[in-house]
């Protein structure tokens, strides 16, 4: 299998020495390079961000998040105080 090269005239990837799209000559040293390390770092970064975003939505071990003190219901065992204003 021959390597893909970039045509200097139309910037398309071709396998031949003459571009079938524009007829321009493809340079011998113009190999199409794929930055695999950069792509792997990008995928790892996106995966890390996705895990961090979804992990902050749930409490420990996948349970519901703890209620904040403003929304917490008082315990039945805890006596409540009422004030007599009168």
Foldseek 3Di string as FASTA:
>chain_A
DAFWFAFPPPRDTDRDQADPPPRGGTDPPRGDDDPPVVVVVVVVVVVVVVCVVVVVCDDPPRHHDDDDPVPDDDDPPDDDDDDDDD
